[in-house]
Amino acid sequence: MHPRHDTVAGLWRAAEDRDWSTYADFFAPDVVCDMRQTRERVRGREDWVRFNSEYPGDWHVTVQRVVADDDGAVSWVEVRIGEHVETGVSFFRFDDHGRVSSIVDFWPEPYEPPAGREHLVERY
């Protein structure tokens, strides 16, 4: 397993465990997170940890997949708040010390497909 895989899996585990001290250790002091759907940016480890620790609701994260190589890592997670489930895809970059230095988050919303391709697809 690539060390960056272990880093991403570990940070999600720490988030699920609400172990914010361990969670913070995975990030560079100057980490930047961009959330594309909301056009929000969080700068710095302290604010990033607070952003997650203060996120509203009793949320729980399940990692579906992590892919990592020398250039970075990507995770696919499902976050459950009550009965509501959201899918998140995060792209990670790392500093020279192996800490996450940047994140680009995508939280896509489901939508109805355009008409005209029903003969090609199966809906689930």
N, C-alpha and C. Protein backbone atom coordinates (compact mmCIF):
# COMPACT_ATOMS: atom_id res chain seq x y z
N MET A 1 0.85 -1.17 0.00
CA MET A 1 0.00 0.00 0.00
C MET A 1 0.90 1.24 0.00
N HIS A 2 0.53 2.23 -0.77
CA HIS A 2 1.31 3.48 -0.85
C HIS A 2 1.13 4.27 0.46
N PRO A 3 2.20 4.90 0.97
CA PRO A 3 2.08 5.65 2.23
C PRO A 3 1.00 6.74 2.18
N ARG A 4 0.77 7.31 1.02
CA ARG A 4 -0.26 8.34 0.92
C ARG A 4 -1.66 7.75 1.07
N HIS A 5 -1.82 6.51 0.69
CA HIS A 5 -3.08 5.80 0.94
C HIS A 5 -3.32 5.72 2.44
N ASP A 6 -2.29 5.33 3.17
CA ASP A 6 -2.41 5.20 4.63
C ASP A 6 -2.71 6.54 5.28
N THR A 7 -2.12 7.62 4.77
CA THR A 7 -2.38 8.95 5.31
C THR A 7 -3.85 9.32 5.13
N VAL A 8 -4.38 9.14 3.93
CA VAL A 8 -5.77 9.52 3.67
C VAL A 8 -6.73 8.62 4.45
N ALA A 9 -6.48 7.32 4.46
CA ALA A 9 -7.33 6.42 5.25
C ALA A 9 -7.27 6.80 6.72
N GLY A 10 -6.08 7.15 7.20
CA GLY A 10 -5.93 7.52 8.61
C GLY A 10 -6.63 8.81 8.98
N LEU A 11 -6.58 9.79 8.10
CA LEU A 11 -7.26 11.05 8.44
C LEU A 11 -8.77 10.88 8.46
N TRP A 12 -9.31 10.05 7.56
CA TRP A 12 -10.75 9.80 7.61
C TRP A 12 -11.13 9.01 8.86
N ARG A 13 -10.27 8.08 9.27
CA ARG A 13 -10.53 7.31 10.50
C ARG A 13 -10.52 8.24 11.71
N ALA A 14 -9.55 9.16 11.75
CA ALA A 14 -9.48 10.11 12.86
C ALA A 14 -10.70 11.02 12.88
N ALA A 15 -11.18 11.43 11.69
CA ALA A 15 -12.39 12.27 11.62
C ALA A 15 -13.59 11.50 12.14
N GLU A 16 -13.74 10.26 11.74
CA GLU A 16 -14.86 9.45 12.21
C GLU A 16 -14.79 9.24 13.72
N ASP A 17 -13.58 9.09 14.25
CA ASP A 17 -13.39 8.88 15.69
C ASP A 17 -13.46 10.19 16.48
N ARG A 18 -13.54 11.32 15.78
CA ARG A 18 -13.53 12.65 16.40
C ARG A 18 -12.25 12.86 17.22
N ASP A 19 -11.16 12.29 16.72
CA ASP A 19 -9.85 12.43 17.33
C ASP A 19 -9.15 13.59 16.62
N TRP A 20 -9.50 14.80 17.01
CA TRP A 20 -9.08 15.99 16.27
C TRP A 20 -7.59 16.26 16.40
N SER A 21 -6.97 15.83 17.46
CA SER A 21 -5.52 16.00 17.60
C SER A 21 -4.78 15.14 16.57
N THR A 22 -5.18 13.88 16.45
CA THR A 22 -4.59 13.00 15.45
C THR A 22 -4.92 13.50 14.06
N TYR A 23 -6.16 13.91 13.85
CA TYR A 23 -6.59 14.44 12.55
C TYR A 23 -5.68 15.59 12.12
N ALA A 24 -5.40 16.52 13.03
CA ALA A 24 -4.57 17.68 12.71
C ALA A 24 -3.18 17.27 12.25
N ASP A 25 -2.65 16.21 12.80
CA ASP A 25 -1.29 15.77 12.46
C ASP A 25 -1.13 15.37 11.00
N PHE A 26 -2.22 15.07 10.32
CA PHE A 26 -2.15 14.67 8.91
C PHE A 26 -1.97 15.85 7.96
N PHE A 27 -2.12 17.08 8.46
CA PHE A 27 -2.15 18.26 7.58
C PHE A 27 -0.96 19.18 7.80
N ALA A 28 -0.49 19.77 6.71
CA ALA A 28 0.54 20.80 6.78
C ALA A 28 -0.05 22.03 7.46
N PRO A 29 0.78 22.82 8.13
CA PRO A 29 0.27 24.03 8.80
C PRO A 29 -0.46 24.98 7.86
N ASP A 30 -0.04 25.03 6.60
CA ASP A 30 -0.63 25.96 5.63
C ASP A 30 -1.56 25.26 4.64
N VAL A 31 -2.16 24.14 5.02
CA VAL A 31 -3.08 23.41 4.14
C VAL A 31 -4.18 24.34 3.63
N VAL A 32 -4.60 24.09 2.40
CA VAL A 32 -5.70 24.84 1.79
C VAL A 32 -6.71 23.84 1.26
N CYS A 33 -7.98 24.05 1.59
CA CYS A 33 -9.06 23.20 1.08
C CYS A 33 -10.04 24.05 0.29
N ASP A 34 -10.28 23.65 -0.95
CA ASP A 34 -11.28 24.28 -1.81
C ASP A 34 -12.47 23.35 -1.96
N MET A 35 -13.65 23.88 -1.70
CA MET A 35 -14.90 23.13 -1.86
C MET A 35 -15.64 23.74 -3.05
N ARG A 36 -15.62 23.03 -4.18
CA ARG A 36 -16.06 23.59 -5.44
C ARG A 36 -17.54 23.94 -5.50
N GLN A 37 -18.42 23.11 -4.94
CA GLN A 37 -19.86 23.39 -5.06
C GLN A 37 -20.24 24.66 -4.31
N THR A 38 -19.64 24.90 -3.15
CA THR A 38 -20.02 26.05 -2.34
C THR A 38 -19.08 27.24 -2.54
N ARG A 39 -17.99 27.01 -3.30
CA ARG A 39 -17.00 28.06 -3.55
C ARG A 39 -16.44 28.60 -2.23
N GLU A 40 -16.19 27.69 -1.27
CA GLU A 40 -15.57 28.05 0.00
C GLU A 40 -14.12 27.58 -0.01
N ARG A 41 -13.28 28.34 0.66
CA ARG A 41 -11.88 27.96 0.84
C ARG A 41 -11.53 28.09 2.31
N VAL A 42 -10.86 27.08 2.85
CA VAL A 42 -10.38 27.11 4.22
C VAL A 42 -8.86 27.08 4.14
N ARG A 43 -8.22 28.03 4.83
CA ARG A 43 -6.75 28.12 4.84
C ARG A 43 -6.22 27.83 6.25
N GLY A 44 -5.25 26.94 6.30
CA GLY A 44 -4.56 26.67 7.55
C GLY A 44 -5.12 25.48 8.31
N ARG A 45 -4.21 24.74 8.93
CA ARG A 45 -4.56 23.51 9.66
C ARG A 45 -5.57 23.78 10.77
N GLU A 46 -5.34 24.83 11.56
CA GLU A 46 -6.22 25.10 12.69
C GLU A 46 -7.65 25.34 12.23
N ASP A 47 -7.83 26.16 11.20
CA ASP A 47 -9.18 26.43 10.71
C ASP A 47 -9.80 25.20 10.04
N TRP A 48 -8.96 24.39 9.36
CA TRP A 48 -9.48 23.18 8.72
C TRP A 48 -9.99 22.19 9.77
N VAL A 49 -9.24 22.03 10.84
CA VAL A 49 -9.69 21.13 11.91
C VAL A 49 -10.97 21.67 12.54
N ARG A 50 -11.01 22.97 12.81
CA ARG A 50 -12.23 23.56 13.39
C ARG A 50 -13.42 23.41 12.44
N PHE A 51 -13.19 23.61 11.13
CA PHE A 51 -14.26 23.46 10.15
C PHE A 51 -14.91 22.09 10.27
N ASN A 52 -14.09 21.06 10.40
CA ASN A 52 -14.61 19.70 10.50
C ASN A 52 -15.16 19.37 11.87
N SER A 53 -14.48 19.80 12.93
CA SER A 53 -14.95 19.48 14.28
C SER A 53 -16.24 20.22 14.62
N GLU A 54 -16.45 21.38 14.02
CA GLU A 54 -17.66 22.16 14.28
C GLU A 54 -18.76 21.93 13.25
N TYR A 55 -18.53 21.01 12.30
CA TYR A 55 -19.54 20.77 11.27
C TYR A 55 -20.82 20.29 11.94
N PRO A 56 -21.96 20.85 11.55
CA PRO A 56 -23.20 20.53 12.26
C PRO A 56 -23.69 19.10 12.02
N GLY A 57 -24.39 18.62 13.00
CA GLY A 57 -25.03 17.30 12.89
C GLY A 57 -24.12 16.18 13.37
N ASP A 58 -24.72 15.04 13.56
CA ASP A 58 -24.02 13.84 13.99
C ASP A 58 -23.64 13.05 12.75
N TRP A 59 -22.60 13.50 12.06
CA TRP A 59 -22.20 12.89 10.80
C TRP A 59 -21.21 11.74 11.02
N HIS A 60 -21.25 10.80 10.09
CA HIS A 60 -20.36 9.64 10.12
C HIS A 60 -19.87 9.37 8.72
N VAL A 61 -18.57 9.09 8.61
CA VAL A 61 -17.94 8.90 7.31
C VAL A 61 -17.56 7.44 7.12
N THR A 62 -17.83 6.94 5.91
CA THR A 62 -17.41 5.60 5.50
C THR A 62 -16.58 5.75 4.24
N VAL A 63 -15.35 5.27 4.29
CA VAL A 63 -14.47 5.33 3.13
C VAL A 63 -14.84 4.21 2.17
N GLN A 64 -15.12 4.58 0.94
CA GLN A 64 -15.42 3.59 -0.09
C GLN A 64 -14.16 3.17 -0.84
N ARG A 65 -13.26 4.19 -1.09
CA ARG A 65 -12.05 3.88 -1.83
C ARG A 65 -11.04 5.00 -1.67
N VAL A 66 -9.78 4.63 -1.62
CA VAL A 66 -8.66 5.56 -1.65
C VAL A 66 -7.69 5.07 -2.72
N VAL A 67 -7.26 5.97 -3.59
CA VAL A 67 -6.26 5.66 -4.61
C VAL A 67 -5.13 6.66 -4.40
N ALA A 68 -3.89 6.15 -4.34
CA ALA A 68 -2.76 7.03 -4.07
C ALA A 68 -1.56 6.62 -4.90
N ASP A 69 -0.75 7.63 -5.24
CA ASP A 69 0.52 7.39 -5.90
C ASP A 69 1.47 8.53 -5.52
N ASP A 70 2.59 8.62 -6.20
CA ASP A 70 3.58 9.64 -5.86
C ASP A 70 3.09 11.06 -6.11
N ASP A 71 2.07 11.24 -6.94
CA ASP A 71 1.55 12.57 -7.26
C ASP A 71 0.45 13.05 -6.32
N GLY A 72 -0.16 12.16 -5.55
CA GLY A 72 -1.24 12.56 -4.66
C GLY A 72 -2.14 11.40 -4.32
N ALA A 73 -3.36 11.74 -3.92
CA ALA A 73 -4.33 10.71 -3.55
C ALA A 73 -5.73 11.24 -3.80
N VAL A 74 -6.66 10.31 -3.96
CA VAL A 74 -8.07 10.62 -4.14
C VAL A 74 -8.86 9.69 -3.22
N SER A 75 -9.89 10.25 -2.57
CA SER A 75 -10.76 9.40 -1.77
C SER A 75 -12.20 9.59 -2.22
N TRP A 76 -12.95 8.50 -2.08
CA TRP A 76 -14.40 8.50 -2.28
C TRP A 76 -14.97 8.10 -0.95
N VAL A 77 -15.80 8.97 -0.37
CA VAL A 77 -16.41 8.67 0.91
C VAL A 77 -17.91 8.88 0.84
N GLU A 78 -18.60 8.25 1.78
CA GLU A 78 -20.02 8.52 1.99
C GLU A 78 -20.16 9.04 3.41
N VAL A 79 -20.86 10.16 3.52
CA VAL A 79 -21.08 10.78 4.82
C VAL A 79 -22.57 10.69 5.13
N ARG A 80 -22.88 10.11 6.28
CA ARG A 80 -24.27 9.93 6.70
C ARG A 80 -24.57 10.89 7.85
N ILE A 81 -25.65 11.64 7.67
CA ILE A 81 -26.19 12.47 8.74
C ILE A 81 -27.63 12.02 8.91
N GLY A 82 -27.87 11.24 9.97
CA GLY A 82 -29.19 10.63 10.12
C GLY A 82 -29.41 9.64 8.98
N GLU A 83 -30.51 9.80 8.25
CA GLU A 83 -30.80 8.92 7.11
C GLU A 83 -30.25 9.48 5.80
N HIS A 84 -29.80 10.70 5.81
CA HIS A 84 -29.28 11.35 4.60
C HIS A 84 -27.83 10.94 4.34
N VAL A 85 -27.53 10.54 3.10
CA VAL A 85 -26.18 10.14 2.72
C VAL A 85 -25.70 11.03 1.59
N GLU A 86 -24.49 11.55 1.75
CA GLU A 86 -23.86 12.35 0.70
C GLU A 86 -22.57 11.68 0.27
N THR A 87 -22.24 11.83 -1.00
CA THR A 87 -21.02 11.29 -1.57
C THR A 87 -20.00 12.40 -1.72
N GLY A 88 -18.78 12.15 -1.27
CA GLY A 88 -17.71 13.13 -1.41
C GLY A 88 -16.51 12.53 -2.12
N VAL A 89 -15.91 13.33 -2.99
CA VAL A 89 -14.67 12.95 -3.67
C VAL A 89 -13.66 14.04 -3.37
N SER A 90 -12.52 13.64 -2.83
CA SER A 90 -11.49 14.60 -2.42
C SER A 90 -10.17 14.26 -3.10
N PHE A 91 -9.53 15.30 -3.63
CA PHE A 91 -8.22 15.18 -4.25
C PHE A 91 -7.19 15.80 -3.31
N PHE A 92 -6.16 15.05 -2.97
CA PHE A 92 -5.16 15.47 -1.98
C PHE A 92 -3.80 15.64 -2.64
N ARG A 93 -3.09 16.69 -2.22
CA ARG A 93 -1.67 16.89 -2.54
C ARG A 93 -0.90 16.91 -1.23
N PHE A 94 0.39 16.63 -1.27
CA PHE A 94 1.19 16.46 -0.07
C PHE A 94 2.43 17.33 -0.10
N ASP A 95 2.91 17.69 1.10
CA ASP A 95 4.16 18.44 1.18
C ASP A 95 5.33 17.47 1.28
N ASP A 96 6.53 18.00 1.42
CA ASP A 96 7.74 17.16 1.47
C ASP A 96 7.83 16.29 2.72
N HIS A 97 6.99 16.56 3.71
CA HIS A 97 6.97 15.77 4.95
C HIS A 97 5.86 14.71 4.94
N GLY A 98 5.14 14.59 3.81
CA GLY A 98 4.07 13.59 3.70
C GLY A 98 2.75 14.04 4.27
N ARG A 99 2.64 15.32 4.65
CA ARG A 99 1.38 15.85 5.18
C ARG A 99 0.55 16.42 4.04
N VAL A 100 -0.76 16.41 4.22
CA VAL A 100 -1.67 16.96 3.20
C VAL A 100 -1.46 18.47 3.15
N SER A 101 -1.19 18.97 1.94
CA SER A 101 -0.97 20.40 1.76
C SER A 101 -2.12 21.09 1.02
N SER A 102 -2.87 20.32 0.25
CA SER A 102 -4.05 20.89 -0.40
C SER A 102 -5.10 19.81 -0.65
N ILE A 103 -6.35 20.26 -0.62
CA ILE A 103 -7.50 19.38 -0.85
C ILE A 103 -8.45 20.12 -1.77
N VAL A 104 -8.98 19.40 -2.74
CA VAL A 104 -10.10 19.91 -3.54
C VAL A 104 -11.23 18.92 -3.34
N ASP A 105 -12.33 19.41 -2.76
CA ASP A 105 -13.49 18.58 -2.42
C ASP A 105 -14.61 18.77 -3.43
N PHE A 106 -15.24 17.66 -3.79
CA PHE A 106 -16.44 17.68 -4.62
C PHE A 106 -17.53 16.89 -3.89
N TRP A 107 -18.68 17.50 -3.70
CA TRP A 107 -19.83 16.86 -3.06
C TRP A 107 -21.00 16.94 -4.04
N PRO A 108 -21.00 16.06 -5.05
CA PRO A 108 -22.02 16.16 -6.11
C PRO A 108 -23.41 15.79 -5.61
N GLU A 109 -24.38 16.49 -6.13
CA GLU A 109 -25.79 16.21 -5.83
C GLU A 109 -26.37 15.32 -6.92
N PRO A 110 -27.21 14.35 -6.56
CA PRO A 110 -27.87 13.54 -7.59
C PRO A 110 -28.82 14.41 -8.41
N TYR A 111 -29.03 14.03 -9.64
CA TYR A 111 -29.95 14.76 -10.52
C TYR A 111 -30.58 13.80 -11.51
N GLU A 112 -31.69 14.22 -12.08
CA GLU A 112 -32.39 13.41 -13.07
C GLU A 112 -31.66 13.50 -14.41
N PRO A 113 -31.45 12.37 -15.07
CA PRO A 113 -30.74 12.38 -16.35
C PRO A 113 -31.61 12.98 -17.46
N PRO A 114 -30.97 13.46 -18.51
CA PRO A 114 -31.74 13.97 -19.64
C PRO A 114 -32.48 12.84 -20.35
N ALA A 115 -33.58 13.18 -20.96
CA ALA A 115 -34.39 12.19 -21.70
C ALA A 115 -33.65 11.75 -22.96
N GLY A 116 -34.00 10.57 -23.43
CA GLY A 116 -33.49 10.10 -24.70
C GLY A 116 -32.43 9.02 -24.63
N ARG A 117 -32.06 8.61 -23.46
CA ARG A 117 -31.07 7.54 -23.36
C ARG A 117 -31.56 6.37 -22.53
N GLU A 118 -32.87 6.32 -22.32
CA GLU A 118 -33.45 5.26 -21.51
C GLU A 118 -33.14 3.87 -22.07
N HIS A 119 -33.01 3.76 -23.39
CA HIS A 119 -32.74 2.47 -24.03
C HIS A 119 -31.29 2.00 -23.80
N LEU A 120 -30.47 2.86 -23.23
CA LEU A 120 -29.06 2.51 -23.03
C LEU A 120 -28.68 2.29 -21.57
N VAL A 121 -29.56 2.66 -20.66
CA VAL A 121 -29.17 2.65 -19.25
C VAL A 121 -30.16 1.85 -18.41
N GLU A 122 -29.70 1.50 -17.26
CA GLU A 122 -30.52 0.88 -16.22
C GLU A 122 -30.52 1.82 -15.04
N ARG A 123 -31.69 2.17 -14.55
CA ARG A 123 -31.79 3.07 -13.38
C ARG A 123 -31.80 2.23 -12.11
N TYR A 124 -31.16 2.70 -11.08
CA TYR A 124 -31.15 2.01 -9.78
C TYR A 124 -31.45 2.99 -8.69
